[in-house]
Amino acid sequence: MASLAVNTSQKETNYRSLQTRYKALTEERDQLQTRYKALTEERDKLQTRYKAPTEERDQLQTRYKALTEERDQLQTRYKALTEERDQLQTRYKALTEERDQLQTRYKALTEERDQLQTRYKALTEERDQLQTRYKALTEERDQLQTRYKTLTEERDQLQTSYKTHTEERDKLQRDRDTFQSLLVKCPNGWKEFGNHFYYVSTEKNNWEDANQDCLKRGAQLVIINNQKEQKFLITLNIRTWIGLTDHETEGTWKWVDDTPLTTAYWGDEEPTNGGGKYGEEDCAEINNSWYSDPVKKWNDVSCTTLLNWICEKVN
């Protein structure tokens, strides 16, 4: 576009220069014609008056011919310049149309730019708002993290304090229980082990009657919870009922409080349920005379067997 504008400007300058030269040449020609006319008149006068030599006339004719040729050249150049002008006008018209199209496109582009600037401004404001909100949220997060850290430390301190207090409480409770156990007098005829009291019958009875006797005494047939208790009970008598039976479901042994058996101290090959020789053996006894193992002394026996029994109640 810039190159086309430069070429057009140069041609317009050349065209004006040619017009100026053409005008000057025309004026010069007119002056020459006037002078020629005056010269002709003068020549005629001279011919009339002086009968000037023919040579001067011939010279004038030669000059006239030269002027005529020059005029023809100017006319040819004028025609060429006119054609060039027409071409320039055509090109100028096309350039004008192109300019109008460019102006239309420029206007549309300007409107689009303005819209983009408006949208950019709105987007920038939105971004600034988001940055402000992000900064505020970050500060809030940092505050929450600080509070969380403080709260965590406080919780840990409380947990430590709670653990310490719990240990102190448990120790106090143990001390209290120990003190209370010292205050509770063991009933007459009962033996104390740990925090439990044990009664060993002086008579013999079947398992069910033995259990009923314990209930009347506010106790129950003994439930053995650990090896220490088992070893203690072995020392009380030779054969005694304990609160263990499978009379509800064969092979499923339960204590008298209906809890299932978990830790057992059966003697060798026990329980056998009598091996089919002695009927059902659905109740358990401690028999420390049959087995060599110092702890495993349990035996299953018929519930109608008459044995001593051991009652147990918590201190």
Protein backbone atom coordinates (compact mmCIF):
# COMPACT_ATOMS: atom_id res chain seq x y z
CA MET A 1 0.00 0.00 0.00
CA ALA A 2 2.80 2.42 0.87
CA SER A 3 4.60 1.66 -2.45
CA LEU A 4 1.40 2.30 -4.42
CA ALA A 5 0.85 5.62 -2.65
CA VAL A 6 4.44 6.72 -3.45
CA ASN A 7 4.08 5.78 -7.14
CA THR A 8 0.77 7.63 -7.37
CA SER A 9 2.23 10.73 -5.73
CA GLN A 10 5.23 10.68 -8.13
CA LYS A 11 2.99 10.35 -11.15
CA GLU A 12 0.73 13.17 -9.99
CA THR A 13 3.85 15.33 -9.54
CA ASN A 14 5.07 14.39 -13.02
CA TYR A 15 1.64 15.10 -14.45
CA ARG A 16 1.51 18.58 -12.88
CA SER A 17 5.03 19.23 -14.10
CA LEU A 18 4.01 18.25 -17.66
CA GLN A 19 0.92 20.45 -17.47
CA THR A 20 3.05 23.34 -16.32
CA ARG A 21 5.54 22.73 -19.09
CA TYR A 22 2.74 22.26 -21.61
CA LYS A 23 1.09 25.51 -20.50
CA ALA A 24 4.41 27.32 -20.67
CA LEU A 25 5.07 25.84 -24.11
CA THR A 26 1.61 26.81 -25.27
CA GLU A 27 2.12 30.34 -24.04
CA GLU A 28 5.50 30.36 -25.69
CA ARG A 29 3.89 29.07 -28.86
CA ASP A 30 1.21 31.75 -28.66
CA GLN A 31 3.87 34.32 -28.12
CA LEU A 32 5.74 32.89 -31.05
CA GLN A 33 2.59 33.00 -33.12
CA THR A 34 2.02 36.57 -32.06
CA ARG A 35 5.60 37.39 -32.81
CA TYR A 36 5.33 35.36 -36.00
CA LYS A 37 2.28 37.34 -36.97
CA ALA A 38 3.99 40.54 -36.07
CA LEU A 39 7.07 39.34 -37.90
CA THR A 40 5.00 38.39 -40.91
CA GLU A 41 3.37 41.74 -40.86
CA GLU A 42 6.74 43.28 -40.43
CA ARG A 43 8.05 41.09 -43.22
CA ASP A 44 5.18 42.12 -45.42
CA LYS A 45 5.81 45.64 -44.51
CA LEU A 46 9.44 45.07 -45.16
CA GLN A 47 8.62 43.30 -48.39
CA THR A 48 6.31 46.05 -49.19
CA ARG A 49 8.52 48.73 -47.93
CA TYR A 50 11.90 47.27 -48.45
CA LYS A 51 11.31 44.02 -50.37
CA ALA A 52 13.31 42.13 -47.84
CA PRO A 53 15.37 39.27 -49.11
CA THR A 54 13.73 35.86 -49.62
CA GLU A 55 16.27 34.30 -47.31
CA GLU A 56 14.68 35.84 -44.26
CA ARG A 57 11.31 34.51 -45.33
CA ASP A 58 12.75 31.07 -45.85
CA GLN A 59 14.26 31.20 -42.41
CA LEU A 60 10.92 32.11 -40.96
CA GLN A 61 9.33 29.23 -42.84
CA THR A 62 11.97 26.88 -41.48
CA ARG A 63 11.35 28.15 -37.97
CA TYR A 64 7.63 27.79 -38.53
CA LYS A 65 8.08 24.20 -39.65
CA ALA A 66 10.20 23.47 -36.62
CA LEU A 67 7.60 25.06 -34.41
CA THR A 68 4.91 23.00 -36.08
CA GLU A 69 6.88 19.81 -35.47
CA GLU A 70 7.39 20.82 -31.88
CA ARG A 71 3.68 21.46 -31.55
CA ASP A 72 2.93 18.02 -32.97
CA GLN A 73 5.30 16.47 -30.48
CA LEU A 74 3.56 18.37 -27.70
CA GLN A 75 0.20 17.13 -28.95
CA THR A 76 1.53 13.55 -29.00
CA ARG A 77 2.92 13.97 -25.52
CA TYR A 78 -0.36 15.59 -24.44
CA LYS A 79 -2.31 12.61 -25.76
CA ALA A 80 0.03 10.20 -23.96
CA LEU A 81 -0.26 12.27 -20.81
CA THR A 82 -4.05 12.26 -21.13
CA GLU A 83 -4.08 8.47 -21.43
CA GLU A 84 -1.78 8.22 -18.45
CA ARG A 85 -4.08 10.55 -16.54
CA ASP A 86 -7.08 8.34 -17.41
CA GLN A 87 -5.19 5.30 -16.23
CA LEU A 88 -4.30 7.14 -13.05
CA GLN A 89 -7.94 8.11 -12.58
CA THR A 90 -8.98 4.48 -13.02
CA ARG A 91 -6.33 3.37 -10.59
CA TYR A 92 -7.29 6.22 -8.27
CA LYS A 93 -10.91 5.06 -8.35
CA ALA A 94 -9.85 1.48 -7.59
CA LEU A 95 -7.57 2.75 -4.85
CA THR A 96 -10.42 4.83 -3.44
CA GLU A 97 -12.68 1.78 -3.35
CA GLU A 98 -9.94 -0.24 -1.71
CA ARG A 99 -9.44 2.56 0.79
CA ASP A 100 -13.19 2.58 1.55
CA GLN A 101 -13.11 -1.17 2.08
CA LEU A 102 -10.09 -0.78 4.33
CA GLN A 103 -11.87 1.98 6.24
CA THR A 104 -14.90 -0.28 6.68
CA ARG A 105 -12.68 -3.12 7.84
CA TYR A 106 -10.74 -0.70 10.05
CA LYS A 107 -13.98 0.50 11.62
CA ALA A 108 -15.09 -3.10 12.27
CA LEU A 109 -11.65 -3.91 13.64
CA THR A 110 -11.75 -0.83 15.86
CA GLU A 111 -15.15 -1.87 17.23
CA GLU A 112 -13.85 -5.37 17.85
CA ARG A 113 -10.78 -3.92 19.56
CA ASP A 114 -13.01 -1.73 21.75
CA GLN A 115 -15.09 -4.77 22.70
CA LEU A 116 -11.93 -6.71 23.49
CA GLN A 117 -10.64 -3.80 25.56
CA THR A 118 -13.94 -3.71 27.47
CA ARG A 119 -13.82 -7.47 28.02
CA TYR A 120 -10.13 -7.23 28.96
CA LYS A 121 -10.93 -4.53 31.50
CA ALA A 122 -13.76 -6.62 32.97
CA LEU A 123 -11.51 -9.69 33.05
CA THR A 124 -8.73 -7.69 34.70
CA GLU A 125 -11.16 -6.47 37.37
CA GLU A 126 -12.40 -10.04 37.90
CA ARG A 127 -8.79 -11.25 38.16
CA ASP A 128 -8.02 -8.52 40.70
CA GLN A 129 -11.09 -9.52 42.72
CA LEU A 130 -10.04 -13.18 42.58
CA GLN A 131 -6.51 -12.25 43.65
CA THR A 132 -7.95 -10.27 46.56
CA ARG A 133 -10.22 -13.16 47.53
CA TYR A 134 -7.33 -15.63 47.10
CA LYS A 135 -5.12 -13.51 49.35
CA ALA A 136 -7.88 -13.29 51.97
CA LEU A 137 -8.51 -17.04 51.72
CA THR A 138 -4.77 -17.76 52.02
CA GLU A 139 -4.57 -15.59 55.13
CA GLU A 140 -7.64 -17.33 56.56
CA ARG A 141 -6.07 -20.73 55.78
CA ASP A 142 -2.83 -19.69 57.48
CA GLN A 143 -4.80 -18.54 60.53
CA LEU A 144 -6.70 -21.83 60.58
CA GLN A 145 -3.45 -23.77 60.28
CA THR A 146 -2.00 -21.78 63.16
CA ARG A 147 -5.17 -22.36 65.21
CA TYR A 148 -5.15 -26.04 64.22
CA LYS A 149 -1.52 -26.39 65.30
CA THR A 150 -2.29 -24.64 68.59
CA LEU A 151 -5.39 -26.78 69.11
CA THR A 152 -3.41 -29.95 68.27
CA GLU A 153 -0.75 -29.04 70.81
CA GLU A 154 -3.47 -28.27 73.35
CA ARG A 155 -5.16 -31.60 72.56
CA ASP A 156 -1.87 -33.46 72.96
CA GLN A 157 -1.31 -31.74 76.29
CA LEU A 158 -4.86 -32.63 77.36
CA GLN A 159 -4.36 -36.23 76.23
CA THR A 160 -1.12 -36.40 78.20
CA SER A 161 -2.85 -34.84 81.20
CA TYR A 162 -5.83 -37.17 80.74
CA LYS A 163 -3.53 -40.20 80.56
CA THR A 164 -1.74 -39.05 83.71
CA HIS A 165 -5.03 -38.45 85.54
CA THR A 166 -6.39 -41.80 84.32
CA GLU A 167 -3.33 -43.60 85.61
CA GLU A 168 -3.66 -41.75 88.91
CA ARG A 169 -7.37 -42.62 89.07
CA ASP A 170 -6.72 -46.29 88.28
CA LYS A 171 -4.03 -46.41 90.95
CA LEU A 172 -6.40 -44.79 93.44
CA GLN A 173 -9.12 -47.28 92.50
CA ARG A 174 -6.70 -50.17 92.95
CA ASP A 175 -5.61 -48.73 96.25
CA ARG A 176 -9.26 -48.31 97.24
CA ASP A 177 -10.12 -51.85 96.20
CA THR A 178 -7.12 -53.17 98.11
CA PHE A 179 -8.13 -51.13 101.14
CA GLN A 180 -11.76 -52.26 100.88
CA SER A 181 -10.68 -55.87 100.53
CA LEU A 182 -8.75 -55.46 103.74
CA LEU A 183 -11.86 -54.06 105.39
CA VAL A 184 -14.14 -56.89 104.21
CA LYS A 185 -14.00 -59.83 106.57
CA CYS A 186 -13.87 -63.22 104.95
CA PRO A 187 -17.10 -65.17 105.87
CA ASN A 188 -16.71 -68.04 108.31
CA GLY A 189 -15.89 -71.27 106.47
CA TRP A 190 -14.75 -69.47 103.30
CA LYS A 191 -11.24 -69.08 101.92
CA GLU A 192 -9.94 -65.89 100.28
CA PHE A 193 -7.86 -65.79 97.11
CA GLY A 194 -7.26 -62.54 95.24
CA ASN A 195 -10.50 -60.61 95.64
CA HIS A 196 -12.72 -63.73 95.62
CA PHE A 197 -14.06 -65.94 98.43
CA TYR A 198 -14.29 -69.71 98.04
CA TYR A 199 -16.39 -72.19 100.02
CA VAL A 200 -15.55 -75.92 99.97
CA SER A 201 -18.48 -78.11 100.99
CA THR A 202 -18.08 -80.64 103.78
CA GLU A 203 -20.67 -82.94 102.27
CA LYS A 204 -21.10 -84.49 98.85
CA ASN A 205 -23.91 -84.01 96.35
CA ASN A 206 -24.71 -84.20 92.63
CA TRP A 207 -23.79 -81.31 90.37
CA GLU A 208 -27.25 -79.69 90.22
CA ASP A 209 -27.81 -79.77 93.98
CA ALA A 210 -24.30 -78.43 94.48
CA ASN A 211 -25.09 -75.51 92.19
CA GLN A 212 -28.34 -74.78 94.06
CA ASP A 213 -26.47 -74.77 97.36
CA CYS A 214 -24.05 -72.16 96.00
CA LEU A 215 -26.93 -69.99 94.83
CA LYS A 216 -28.50 -70.15 98.31
CA ARG A 217 -25.19 -68.91 99.70
CA GLY A 218 -25.26 -65.90 97.33
CA ALA A 219 -22.54 -67.46 95.21
CA GLN A 220 -22.18 -69.87 92.28
CA LEU A 221 -20.25 -72.98 91.43
CA VAL A 222 -16.70 -71.83 90.84
CA ILE A 223 -15.73 -70.33 87.44
CA ILE A 224 -12.01 -70.68 86.75
CA ASN A 225 -10.55 -67.65 84.93
CA ASN A 226 -6.79 -68.23 84.97
CA GLN A 227 -3.99 -70.63 85.85
CA LYS A 228 -3.30 -69.04 89.22
CA GLU A 229 -6.88 -69.64 90.28
CA GLN A 230 -6.68 -73.22 88.94
CA LYS A 231 -3.56 -73.96 90.99
CA PHE A 232 -5.19 -72.48 94.11
CA LEU A 233 -8.34 -74.61 93.73
CA ILE A 234 -6.33 -77.81 93.32
CA THR A 235 -5.05 -77.36 96.87
CA LEU A 236 -8.57 -77.22 98.39
CA ASN A 237 -9.61 -80.86 98.00
CA ILE A 238 -9.12 -84.07 96.07
CA ARG A 239 -12.30 -84.10 93.91
CA THR A 240 -14.72 -81.14 93.64
CA TRP A 241 -17.44 -79.97 91.31
CA ILE A 242 -16.76 -76.80 89.25
CA GLY A 243 -19.36 -74.68 87.47
CA LEU A 244 -18.78 -76.17 83.98
CA THR A 245 -21.24 -78.34 81.97
CA ASP A 246 -22.24 -79.35 78.42
CA HIS A 247 -25.67 -80.73 79.31
CA GLU A 248 -27.41 -78.36 76.85
CA THR A 249 -25.31 -79.28 73.77
CA GLU A 250 -22.92 -82.19 73.83
CA GLY A 251 -19.35 -80.99 73.36
CA THR A 252 -20.19 -77.32 73.94
CA TRP A 253 -18.97 -76.53 77.45
CA LYS A 254 -20.31 -73.49 79.27
CA TRP A 255 -19.89 -72.00 82.72
CA VAL A 256 -22.85 -71.56 85.04
CA ASP A 257 -23.07 -67.86 84.05
CA ASP A 258 -23.65 -69.08 80.45
CA THR A 259 -20.26 -67.85 79.19
CA PRO A 260 -18.46 -70.24 76.79
CA LEU A 261 -15.32 -72.06 77.86
CA THR A 262 -12.21 -70.37 76.43
CA THR A 263 -9.28 -71.54 78.58
CA ALA A 264 -9.42 -75.19 79.68
CA TYR A 265 -7.34 -77.36 82.00
CA TRP A 266 -8.53 -80.83 81.01
CA GLY A 267 -6.52 -83.83 82.05
CA ASP A 268 -4.97 -86.16 79.47
CA GLU A 269 -7.46 -87.28 76.78
CA GLU A 270 -10.31 -85.48 78.56
CA PRO A 271 -13.18 -84.86 78.10
CA THR A 272 -14.23 -88.37 76.97
CA ASN A 273 -17.96 -88.37 77.84
CA GLY A 274 -17.35 -91.73 79.51
CA GLY A 275 -16.30 -93.49 76.36
CA GLY A 276 -19.78 -95.04 76.16
CA LYS A 277 -19.22 -97.04 79.36
CA TYR A 278 -20.62 -94.76 82.08
CA GLY A 279 -23.48 -92.97 80.35
CA GLU A 280 -23.42 -89.22 79.71
CA GLU A 281 -20.64 -87.31 81.46
CA ASP A 282 -21.87 -83.73 81.15
CA CYS A 283 -20.39 -82.07 84.23
CA ALA A 284 -16.80 -81.15 85.10
CA GLU A 285 -14.77 -81.77 88.25
CA ILE A 286 -11.28 -81.06 89.52
CA ASN A 287 -9.58 -84.39 90.14
CA ASN A 288 -6.02 -83.93 91.29
CA SER A 289 -5.43 -87.62 91.96
CA TRP A 290 -5.64 -89.02 88.42
CA TYR A 291 -3.35 -86.82 86.34
CA SER A 292 0.37 -86.19 86.49
CA ASP A 293 0.19 -82.65 85.08
CA PRO A 294 0.31 -80.20 88.00
CA VAL A 295 -2.31 -77.90 86.45
CA LYS A 296 -4.44 -79.90 83.99
CA LYS A 297 -6.77 -81.71 86.40
CA TRP A 298 -10.25 -81.41 84.86
CA ASN A 299 -12.37 -84.45 84.18
CA ASP A 300 -15.88 -84.89 82.78
CA VAL A 301 -18.13 -87.08 84.92
CA SER A 302 -21.81 -87.94 85.24
CA CYS A 303 -23.73 -85.08 86.79
CA THR A 304 -25.34 -87.50 89.27
CA THR A 305 -22.02 -88.36 90.84
CA LEU A 306 -21.77 -87.34 94.49
CA LEU A 307 -18.82 -85.01 95.03
CA ASN A 308 -17.75 -82.10 97.14
CA TRP A 309 -18.10 -78.71 95.46
CA ILE A 310 -16.61 -75.25 95.51
CA CYS A 311 -18.73 -72.08 95.64
CA GLU A 312 -17.30 -68.72 94.59
CA LYS A 313 -18.31 -65.12 95.15
CA VAL A 314 -16.62 -61.83 94.49
CA ASN A 315 -15.19 -59.94 97.44
